[in-house]
Each structure stands twice: as C-alpha cells, then as structure tokens.
Amino acid sequence: MLLGAVVLSLGGCAMFGGPDGDQRTVIVYPGGDTSLDPVILPASELPPAGECRIWYPNRAVDQQPGPGDCDELRRQVPPGAVLVRG
C-alpha cells in the first residue's frame, strides 16, 4: 500500500442507476476485495480510459483534483485518498 492509500481497479466495481449517465453511482471495492469499505463516486467523475484520478472520499465532487497520468499520480496519493483508474 503506497503511502497508506489503496489503488482501485475498475475491475472491482459495480454500477447502479438509471439510464442517465450523470445519475449513476460507481461503488469501487479496493482491489476488488468486498470485505473492505467501498469508495462511492458518481460515474461522471471516473477518469478517462488510461488515466487515473486521486479521489478523497470525504470531499465534495467540486473539491476533487482532476485526472492525470497514472504513473505520476500513484506516487502522490496521500493517506486517506485512493487512486481510481479509468
């Protein structure tokens, strides 16, 4: 675990919601392990394919940093935040 953070893979997520893409919610289980607490974020906030995003579970959407290069971001994840891969 890098800096106490958990790297998330979309392979361990479930998507729920209606046909409107902006209303869906993504529930990501760290490493696909459903015994860990999930991180919940709007589907509209997922990073583009091939990019990553540092996500702070207790911050509002408009307070989240934008997506970027996975190799760079994985070294910058602070404790309490997670890295979401697109």
PDB file of N, CA and C in Angstrom:
ATOM      1  N   MET A   1       0.854  -1.162   0.000  1.00  0.00           N
ATOM      2  CA  MET A   1       0.000   0.000   0.000  1.00  0.00           C
ATOM      3  C   MET A   1       0.901   1.226   0.000  1.00  0.00           C
ATOM      4  N   LEU A   2       0.767   2.048  -0.998  1.00  0.00           N
ATOM      5  CA  LEU A   2       1.594   3.235  -1.173  1.00  0.00           C
ATOM      6  C   LEU A   2       1.066   4.376  -0.325  1.00  0.00           C
ATOM      7  N   LEU A   3       1.878   4.855   0.620  1.00  0.00           N
ATOM      8  CA  LEU A   3       1.507   5.979   1.484  1.00  0.00           C
ATOM      9  C   LEU A   3       0.161   5.769   2.181  1.00  0.00           C
ATOM     10  N   GLY A   4      -0.150   4.531   2.486  1.00  0.00           N
ATOM     11  CA  GLY A   4      -1.396   4.256   3.196  1.00  0.00           C
ATOM     12  C   GLY A   4      -2.622   4.359   2.308  1.00  0.00           C
ATOM     13  N   ALA A   5      -2.426   4.515   1.020  1.00  0.00           N
ATOM     14  CA  ALA A   5      -3.555   4.651   0.101  1.00  0.00           C
ATOM     15  C   ALA A   5      -3.863   3.303  -0.531  1.00  0.00           C
ATOM     16  N   VAL A   6      -5.013   3.204  -1.084  1.00  0.00           N
ATOM     17  CA  VAL A   6      -5.437   1.992  -1.750  1.00  0.00           C
ATOM     18  C   VAL A   6      -5.625   2.308  -3.223  1.00  0.00           C
ATOM     19  N   VAL A   7      -5.023   1.492  -4.083  1.00  0.00           N
ATOM     20  CA  VAL A   7      -5.203   1.675  -5.514  1.00  0.00           C
ATOM     21  C   VAL A   7      -6.442   0.901  -5.925  1.00  0.00           C
ATOM     22  N   LEU A   8      -7.326   1.579  -6.603  1.00  0.00           N
ATOM     23  CA  LEU A   8      -8.585   0.965  -7.008  1.00  0.00           C
ATOM     24  C   LEU A   8      -8.540   0.571  -8.470  1.00  0.00           C
ATOM     25  N   SER A   9      -9.131  -0.538  -8.757  1.00  0.00           N
ATOM     26  CA  SER A   9      -9.254  -1.002 -10.127  1.00  0.00           C
ATOM     27  C   SER A   9     -10.729  -1.084 -10.463  1.00  0.00           C
ATOM     28  N   LEU A  10     -11.084  -0.636 -11.643  1.00  0.00           N
ATOM     29  CA  LEU A  10     -12.490  -0.688 -12.021  1.00  0.00           C
ATOM     30  C   LEU A  10     -12.973  -2.116 -12.219  1.00  0.00           C
ATOM     31  N   GLY A  11     -12.069  -3.071 -12.233  1.00  0.00           N
ATOM     32  CA  GLY A  11     -12.468  -4.460 -12.289  1.00  0.00           C
ATOM     33  C   GLY A  11     -13.226  -4.881 -11.045  1.00  0.00           C
ATOM     34  N   GLY A  12     -13.124  -4.113  -9.989  1.00  0.00           N
ATOM     35  CA  GLY A  12     -13.807  -4.447  -8.750  1.00  0.00           C
ATOM     36  C   GLY A  12     -14.926  -3.486  -8.439  1.00  0.00           C
ATOM     37  N   CYS A  13     -15.620  -3.000  -9.465  1.00  0.00           N
ATOM     38  CA  CYS A  13     -16.659  -2.015  -9.185  1.00  0.00           C
ATOM     39  C   CYS A  13     -18.010  -2.500  -9.680  1.00  0.00           C
ATOM     40  N   ALA A  14     -19.029  -1.866  -9.172  1.00  0.00           N
ATOM     41  CA  ALA A  14     -20.391  -2.126  -9.617  1.00  0.00           C
ATOM     42  C   ALA A  14     -21.032  -0.786  -9.929  1.00  0.00           C
ATOM     43  N   MET A  15     -21.857  -0.759 -10.959  1.00  0.00           N
ATOM     44  CA  MET A  15     -22.516   0.489 -11.334  1.00  0.00           C
ATOM     45  C   MET A  15     -24.014   0.325 -11.141  1.00  0.00           C
ATOM     46  N   PHE A  16     -24.640   1.332 -10.552  1.00  0.00           N
ATOM     47  CA  PHE A  16     -26.072   1.309 -10.302  1.00  0.00           C
ATOM     48  C   PHE A  16     -26.674   2.606 -10.797  1.00  0.00           C
ATOM     49  N   GLY A  17     -27.936   2.565 -11.162  1.00  0.00           N
ATOM     50  CA  GLY A  17     -28.603   3.808 -11.510  1.00  0.00           C
ATOM     51  C   GLY A  17     -29.441   3.674 -12.757  1.00  0.00           C
ATOM     52  N   GLY A  18     -29.999   4.797 -13.156  1.00  0.00           N
ATOM     53  CA  GLY A  18     -30.880   4.828 -14.300  1.00  0.00           C
ATOM     54  C   GLY A  18     -30.140   5.045 -15.597  1.00  0.00           C
ATOM     55  N   PRO A  19     -30.886   5.299 -16.680  1.00  0.00           N
ATOM     56  CA  PRO A  19     -30.285   5.449 -17.995  1.00  0.00           C
ATOM     57  C   PRO A  19     -29.478   6.734 -18.148  1.00  0.00           C
ATOM     58  N   ASP A  20     -29.674   7.716 -17.289  1.00  0.00           N
ATOM     59  CA  ASP A  20     -28.937   8.977 -17.374  1.00  0.00           C
ATOM     60  C   ASP A  20     -27.552   8.780 -16.776  1.00  0.00           C
ATOM     61  N   GLY A  21     -26.515   8.799 -17.612  1.00  0.00           N
ATOM     62  CA  GLY A  21     -25.153   8.538 -17.165  1.00  0.00           C
ATOM     63  C   GLY A  21     -24.704   9.420 -16.025  1.00  0.00           C
ATOM     64  N   ASP A  22     -25.189  10.651 -15.940  1.00  0.00           N
ATOM     65  CA  ASP A  22     -24.769  11.548 -14.875  1.00  0.00           C
ATOM     66  C   ASP A  22     -25.364  11.175 -13.526  1.00  0.00           C
ATOM     67  N   GLN A  23     -26.387  10.348 -13.507  1.00  0.00           N
ATOM     68  CA  GLN A  23     -27.054   9.996 -12.259  1.00  0.00           C
ATOM     69  C   GLN A  23     -26.543   8.680 -11.677  1.00  0.00           C
ATOM     70  N   ARG A  24     -25.751   7.948 -12.428  1.00  0.00           N
ATOM     71  CA  ARG A  24     -25.255   6.666 -11.935  1.00  0.00           C
ATOM     72  C   ARG A  24     -24.224   6.878 -10.834  1.00  0.00           C
ATOM     73  N   THR A  25     -24.098   5.886  -9.993  1.00  0.00           N
ATOM     74  CA  THR A  25     -23.107   5.887  -8.925  1.00  0.00           C
ATOM     75  C   THR A  25     -22.201   4.688  -9.124  1.00  0.00           C
ATOM     76  N   VAL A  26     -20.922   4.875  -8.904  1.00  0.00           N
ATOM     77  CA  VAL A  26     -19.968   3.780  -9.004  1.00  0.00           C
ATOM     78  C   VAL A  26     -19.506   3.436  -7.596  1.00  0.00           C
ATOM     79  N   ILE A  27     -19.577   2.169  -7.266  1.00  0.00           N
ATOM     80  CA  ILE A  27     -19.087   1.688  -5.983  1.00  0.00           C
ATOM     81  C   ILE A  27     -17.857   0.842  -6.282  1.00  0.00           C
ATOM     82  N   VAL A  28     -16.718   1.276  -5.790  1.00  0.00           N
ATOM     83  CA  VAL A  28     -15.462   0.590  -6.062  1.00  0.00           C
ATOM     84  C   VAL A  28     -14.960  -0.035  -4.770  1.00  0.00           C
ATOM     85  N   TYR A  29     -14.671  -1.326  -4.838  1.00  0.00           N
ATOM     86  CA  TYR A  29     -14.085  -2.008  -3.687  1.00  0.00           C
ATOM     87  C   TYR A  29     -12.579  -2.051  -3.911  1.00  0.00           C
ATOM     88  N   PRO A  30     -11.793  -1.532  -2.977  1.00  0.00           N
ATOM     89  CA  PRO A  30     -10.336  -1.510  -3.145  1.00  0.00           C
ATOM     90  C   PRO A  30      -9.782  -2.884  -3.491  1.00  0.00           C
ATOM     91  N   GLY A  31      -9.100  -2.969  -4.623  1.00  0.00           N
ATOM     92  CA  GLY A  31      -8.518  -4.229  -5.063  1.00  0.00           C
ATOM     93  C   GLY A  31      -9.542  -5.301  -5.363  1.00  0.00           C
ATOM     94  N   GLY A  32     -10.821  -4.945  -5.492  1.00  0.00           N
ATOM     95  CA  GLY A  32     -11.869  -5.924  -5.744  1.00  0.00           C
ATOM     96  C   GLY A  32     -12.271  -6.704  -4.500  1.00  0.00           C
ATOM     97  N   ASP A  33     -11.732  -6.341  -3.338  1.00  0.00           N
ATOM     98  CA  ASP A  33     -11.993  -7.045  -2.080  1.00  0.00           C
ATOM     99  C   ASP A  33     -13.249  -6.474  -1.424  1.00  0.00           C
ATOM    100  N   THR A  34     -14.342  -7.220  -1.474  1.00  0.00           N
ATOM    101  CA  THR A  34     -15.614  -6.725  -0.946  1.00  0.00           C
ATOM    102  C   THR A  34     -15.661  -6.709   0.584  1.00  0.00           C
ATOM    103  N   SER A  35     -14.610  -7.205   1.244  1.00  0.00           N
ATOM    104  CA  SER A  35     -14.579  -7.116   2.705  1.00  0.00           C
ATOM    105  C   SER A  35     -14.089  -5.738   3.165  1.00  0.00           C
ATOM    106  N   LEU A  36     -13.533  -4.945   2.256  1.00  0.00           N
ATOM    107  CA  LEU A  36     -13.079  -3.594   2.581  1.00  0.00           C
ATOM    108  C   LEU A  36     -14.201  -2.597   2.322  1.00  0.00           C
ATOM    109  N   ASP A  37     -14.154  -1.463   2.991  1.00  0.00           N
ATOM    110  CA  ASP A  37     -15.166  -0.428   2.783  1.00  0.00           C
ATOM    111  C   ASP A  37     -15.100   0.087   1.349  1.00  0.00           C
ATOM    112  N   PRO A  38     -16.243   0.215   0.688  1.00  0.00           N
ATOM    113  CA  PRO A  38     -16.241   0.712  -0.692  1.00  0.00           C
ATOM    114  C   PRO A  38     -16.040   2.221  -0.742  1.00  0.00           C
ATOM    115  N   VAL A  39     -15.575   2.676  -1.893  1.00  0.00           N
ATOM    116  CA  VAL A  39     -15.481   4.107  -2.190  1.00  0.00           C
ATOM    117  C   VAL A  39     -16.567   4.382  -3.213  1.00  0.00           C
ATOM    118  N   ILE A  40     -17.415   5.360  -2.943  1.00  0.00           N
ATOM    119  CA  ILE A  40     -18.552   5.653  -3.813  1.00  0.00           C
ATOM    120  C   ILE A  40     -18.321   6.991  -4.492  1.00  0.00           C
ATOM    121  N   LEU A  41     -18.439   6.992  -5.828  1.00  0.00           N
ATOM    122  CA  LEU A  41     -18.300   8.233  -6.575  1.00  0.00           C
ATOM    123  C   LEU A  41     -19.236   8.227  -7.770  1.00  0.00           C
ATOM    124  N   PRO A  42     -19.629   9.412  -8.251  1.00  0.00           N
ATOM    125  CA  PRO A  42     -20.501   9.489  -9.423  1.00  0.00           C
ATOM    126  C   PRO A  42     -19.781   8.947 -10.658  1.00  0.00           C
ATOM    127  N   ALA A  43     -20.497   8.218 -11.488  1.00  0.00           N
ATOM    128  CA  ALA A  43     -19.903   7.677 -12.710  1.00  0.00           C
ATOM    129  C   ALA A  43     -19.333   8.783 -13.587  1.00  0.00           C
ATOM    130  N   SER A  44     -19.934   9.950 -13.538  1.00  0.00           N
ATOM    131  CA  SER A  44     -19.457  11.072 -14.356  1.00  0.00           C
ATOM    132  C   SER A  44     -18.079  11.556 -13.919  1.00  0.00           C
ATOM    133  N   GLU A  45     -17.617  11.141 -12.754  1.00  0.00           N
ATOM    134  CA  GLU A  45     -16.325  11.583 -12.233  1.00  0.00           C
ATOM    135  C   GLU A  45     -15.205  10.570 -12.454  1.00  0.00           C
ATOM    136  N   LEU A  46     -15.502   9.443 -13.093  1.00  0.00           N
ATOM    137  CA  LEU A  46     -14.453   8.474 -13.395  1.00  0.00           C
ATOM    138  C   LEU A  46     -13.456   9.088 -14.372  1.00  0.00           C
ATOM    139  N   PRO A  47     -12.168   8.772 -14.226  1.00  0.00           N
ATOM    140  CA  PRO A  47     -11.192   9.302 -15.177  1.00  0.00           C
ATOM    141  C   PRO A  47     -11.350   8.615 -16.532  1.00  0.00           C
ATOM    142  N   PRO A  48     -10.888   9.269 -17.597  1.00  0.00           N
ATOM    143  CA  PRO A  48     -10.938   8.636 -18.916  1.00  0.00           C
ATOM    144  C   PRO A  48     -10.093   7.358 -18.933  1.00  0.00           C
ATOM    145  N   ALA A  49     -10.382   6.477 -19.863  1.00  0.00           N
ATOM    146  CA  ALA A  49      -9.608   5.243 -20.010  1.00  0.00           C
ATOM    147  C   ALA A  49      -8.127   5.575 -20.153  1.00  0.00           C
ATOM    148  N   GLY A  50      -7.299   4.863 -19.416  1.00  0.00           N
ATOM    149  CA  GLY A  50      -5.857   5.069 -19.475  1.00  0.00           C
ATOM    150  C   GLY A  50      -5.337   6.148 -18.537  1.00  0.00           C
ATOM    151  N   GLU A  51      -6.232   6.857 -17.854  1.00  0.00           N
ATOM    152  CA  GLU A  51      -5.822   7.879 -16.895  1.00  0.00           C
ATOM    153  C   GLU A  51      -6.275   7.474 -15.497  1.00  0.00           C
ATOM    154  N   CYS A  52      -5.784   8.196 -14.508  1.00  0.00           N
ATOM    155  CA  CYS A  52      -6.138   7.947 -13.110  1.00  0.00           C
ATOM    156  C   CYS A  52      -6.587   9.246 -12.464  1.00  0.00           C
ATOM    157  N   ARG A  53      -7.141   9.094 -11.277  1.00  0.00           N
ATOM    158  CA  ARG A  53      -7.590  10.259 -10.524  1.00  0.00           C
ATOM    159  C   ARG A  53      -7.453   9.958  -9.035  1.00  0.00           C
ATOM    160  N   ILE A  54      -6.885  10.901  -8.294  1.00  0.00           N
ATOM    161  CA  ILE A  54      -6.851  10.776  -6.846  1.00  0.00           C
ATOM    162  C   ILE A  54      -8.225  11.208  -6.343  1.00  0.00           C
ATOM    163  N   TRP A  55      -8.829  10.358  -5.510  1.00  0.00           N
ATOM    164  CA  TRP A  55     -10.176  10.637  -5.008  1.00  0.00           C
ATOM    165  C   TRP A  55     -10.153  10.670  -3.483  1.00  0.00           C
ATOM    166  N   TYR A  56     -10.722  11.728  -2.929  1.00  0.00           N
ATOM    167  CA  TYR A  56     -10.836  11.897  -1.481  1.00  0.00           C
ATOM    168  C   TYR A  56     -12.275  11.566  -1.089  1.00  0.00           C
ATOM    169  N   PRO A  57     -12.507  10.430  -0.408  1.00  0.00           N
ATOM    170  CA  PRO A  57     -13.872  10.001  -0.096  1.00  0.00           C
ATOM    171  C   PRO A  57     -14.714  11.017   0.672  1.00  0.00           C
ATOM    172  N   ASN A  58     -14.121  11.870   1.461  1.00  0.00           N
ATOM    173  CA  ASN A  58     -14.900  12.800   2.283  1.00  0.00           C
ATOM    174  C   ASN A  58     -14.950  14.217   1.725  1.00  0.00           C
ATOM    175  N   ARG A  59     -14.593  14.390   0.458  1.00  0.00           N
ATOM    176  CA  ARG A  59     -14.648  15.718  -0.170  1.00  0.00           C
ATOM    177  C   ARG A  59     -15.787  15.774  -1.180  1.00  0.00           C
ATOM    178  N   ALA A  60     -16.306  16.967  -1.367  1.00  0.00           N
ATOM    179  CA  ALA A  60     -17.336  17.180  -2.391  1.00  0.00           C
ATOM    180  C   ALA A  60     -16.720  17.001  -3.779  1.00  0.00           C
ATOM    181  N   VAL A  61     -17.560  16.691  -4.752  1.00  0.00           N
ATOM    182  CA  VAL A  61     -17.096  16.472  -6.122  1.00  0.00           C
ATOM    183  C   VAL A  61     -16.301  17.669  -6.638  1.00  0.00           C
ATOM    184  N   ASP A  62     -16.767  18.880  -6.357  1.00  0.00           N
ATOM    185  CA  ASP A  62     -16.073  20.062  -6.884  1.00  0.00           C
ATOM    186  C   ASP A  62     -14.765  20.358  -6.154  1.00  0.00           C
ATOM    187  N   GLN A  63     -14.441  19.586  -5.132  1.00  0.00           N
ATOM    188  CA  GLN A  63     -13.179  19.740  -4.402  1.00  0.00           C
ATOM    189  C   GLN A  63     -12.167  18.644  -4.752  1.00  0.00           C
ATOM    190  N   GLN A  64     -12.506  17.805  -5.745  1.00  0.00           N
ATOM    191  CA  GLN A  64     -11.633  16.704  -6.147  1.00  0.00           C
ATOM    192  C   GLN A  64     -10.661  17.163  -7.237  1.00  0.00           C
ATOM    193  N   PRO A  65      -9.406  16.679  -7.189  1.00  0.00           N
ATOM    194  CA  PRO A  65      -8.470  17.001  -8.269  1.00  0.00           C
ATOM    195  C   PRO A  65      -8.865  16.285  -9.560  1.00  0.00           C
ATOM    196  N   GLY A  66      -8.440  16.821 -10.670  1.00  0.00           N
ATOM    197  CA  GLY A  66      -8.757  16.238 -11.971  1.00  0.00           C
ATOM    198  C   GLY A  66      -7.922  15.009 -12.284  1.00  0.00           C
ATOM    199  N   PRO A  67      -8.239  14.334 -13.391  1.00  0.00           N
ATOM    200  CA  PRO A  67      -7.494  13.147 -13.795  1.00  0.00           C
ATOM    201  C   PRO A  67      -6.109  13.510 -14.321  1.00  0.00           C
ATOM    202  N   GLY A  68      -5.257  12.493 -14.374  1.00  0.00           N
ATOM    203  CA  GLY A  68      -3.908  12.701 -14.881  1.00  0.00           C
ATOM    204  C   GLY A  68      -3.215  11.381 -15.161  1.00  0.00           C
ATOM    205  N   ASP A  69      -1.917  11.456 -15.345  1.00  0.00           N
ATOM    206  CA  ASP A  69      -1.086  10.306 -15.675  1.00  0.00           C
ATOM    207  C   ASP A  69      -0.986   9.357 -14.471  1.00  0.00           C
ATOM    208  N   CYS A  70      -1.303   8.090 -14.685  1.00  0.00           N
ATOM    209  CA  CYS A  70      -1.309   7.112 -13.592  1.00  0.00           C
ATOM    210  C   CYS A  70       0.067   6.956 -12.951  1.00  0.00           C
ATOM    211  N   ASP A  71       1.128   6.923 -13.760  1.00  0.00           N
ATOM    212  CA  ASP A  71       2.470   6.747 -13.204  1.00  0.00           C
ATOM    213  C   ASP A  71       2.856   7.891 -12.276  1.00  0.00           C
ATOM    214  N   GLU A  72       2.457   9.095 -12.608  1.00  0.00           N
ATOM    215  CA  GLU A  72       2.753  10.242 -11.750  1.00  0.00           C
ATOM    216  C   GLU A  72       1.861  10.261 -10.510  1.00  0.00           C
ATOM    217  N   LEU A  73       0.575  10.047 -10.709  1.00  0.00           N
ATOM    218  CA  LEU A  73      -0.368  10.156  -9.597  1.00  0.00           C
ATOM    219  C   LEU A  73      -0.192   9.066  -8.550  1.00  0.00           C
ATOM    220  N   ARG A  74       0.205   7.875  -8.959  1.00  0.00           N
ATOM    221  CA  ARG A  74       0.321   6.779  -7.985  1.00  0.00           C
ATOM    222  C   ARG A  74       1.360   7.072  -6.921  1.00  0.00           C
ATOM    223  N   ARG A  75       2.302   7.969  -7.205  1.00  0.00           N
ATOM    224  CA  ARG A  75       3.325   8.347  -6.224  1.00  0.00           C
ATOM    225  C   ARG A  75       2.889   9.529  -5.364  1.00  0.00           C
ATOM    226  N   GLN A  76       1.720  10.088  -5.648  1.00  0.00           N
ATOM    227  CA  GLN A  76       1.270  11.295  -4.954  1.00  0.00           C
ATOM    228  C   GLN A  76       0.027  11.084  -4.086  1.00  0.00           C
ATOM    229  N   VAL A  77      -0.416   9.853  -3.942  1.00  0.00           N
ATOM    230  CA  VAL A  77      -1.656   9.585  -3.208  1.00  0.00           C
ATOM    231  C   VAL A  77      -1.413   9.727  -1.704  1.00  0.00           C
ATOM    232  N   PRO A  78      -2.047  10.704  -1.063  1.00  0.00           N
ATOM    233  CA  PRO A  78      -1.849  10.887   0.378  1.00  0.00           C
ATOM    234  C   PRO A  78      -2.708   9.907   1.189  1.00  0.00           C
ATOM    235  N   PRO A  79      -2.376   9.729   2.458  1.00  0.00           N
ATOM    236  CA  PRO A  79      -3.206   8.872   3.313  1.00  0.00           C
ATOM    237  C   PRO A  79      -4.658   9.363   3.320  1.00  0.00           C
ATOM    238  N   GLY A  80      -5.574   8.424   3.255  1.00  0.00           N
ATOM    239  CA  GLY A  80      -6.993   8.761   3.267  1.00  0.00           C
ATOM    240  C   GLY A  80      -7.590   8.940   1.887  1.00  0.00           C
ATOM    241  N   ALA A  81      -6.745   9.045   0.867  1.00  0.00           N
ATOM    242  CA  ALA A  81      -7.217   9.175  -0.513  1.00  0.00           C
ATOM    243  C   ALA A  81      -7.003   7.845  -1.228  1.00  0.00           C
ATOM    244  N   VAL A  82      -7.647   7.696  -2.374  1.00  0.00           N
ATOM    245  CA  VAL A  82      -7.488   6.489  -3.184  1.00  0.00           C
ATOM    246  C   VAL A  82      -7.194   6.887  -4.618  1.00  0.00           C
ATOM    247  N   LEU A  83      -6.590   5.977  -5.354  1.00  0.00           N
ATOM    248  CA  LEU A  83      -6.308   6.193  -6.767  1.00  0.00           C
ATOM    249  C   LEU A  83      -7.316   5.388  -7.569  1.00  0.00           C
ATOM    250  N   VAL A  84      -8.074   6.061  -8.407  1.00  0.00           N
ATOM    251  CA  VAL A  84      -9.076   5.414  -9.250  1.00  0.00           C
ATOM    252  C   VAL A  84      -8.525   5.373 -10.665  1.00  0.00           C
ATOM    253  N   ARG A  85      -8.522   4.204 -11.267  1.00  0.00           N
ATOM    254  CA  ARG A  85      -8.024   4.030 -12.642  1.00  0.00           C
ATOM    255  C   ARG A  85      -9.184   4.002 -13.627  1.00  0.00           C
ATOM    256  N   GLY A  86      -8.990   4.686 -14.747  1.00  0.00           N
ATOM    257  CA  GLY A  86     -10.008   4.715 -15.790  1.00  0.00           C
ATOM    258  C   GLY A  86      -9.826   3.612 -16.788  1.00  0.00           C
TER     259      GLY A  86
END
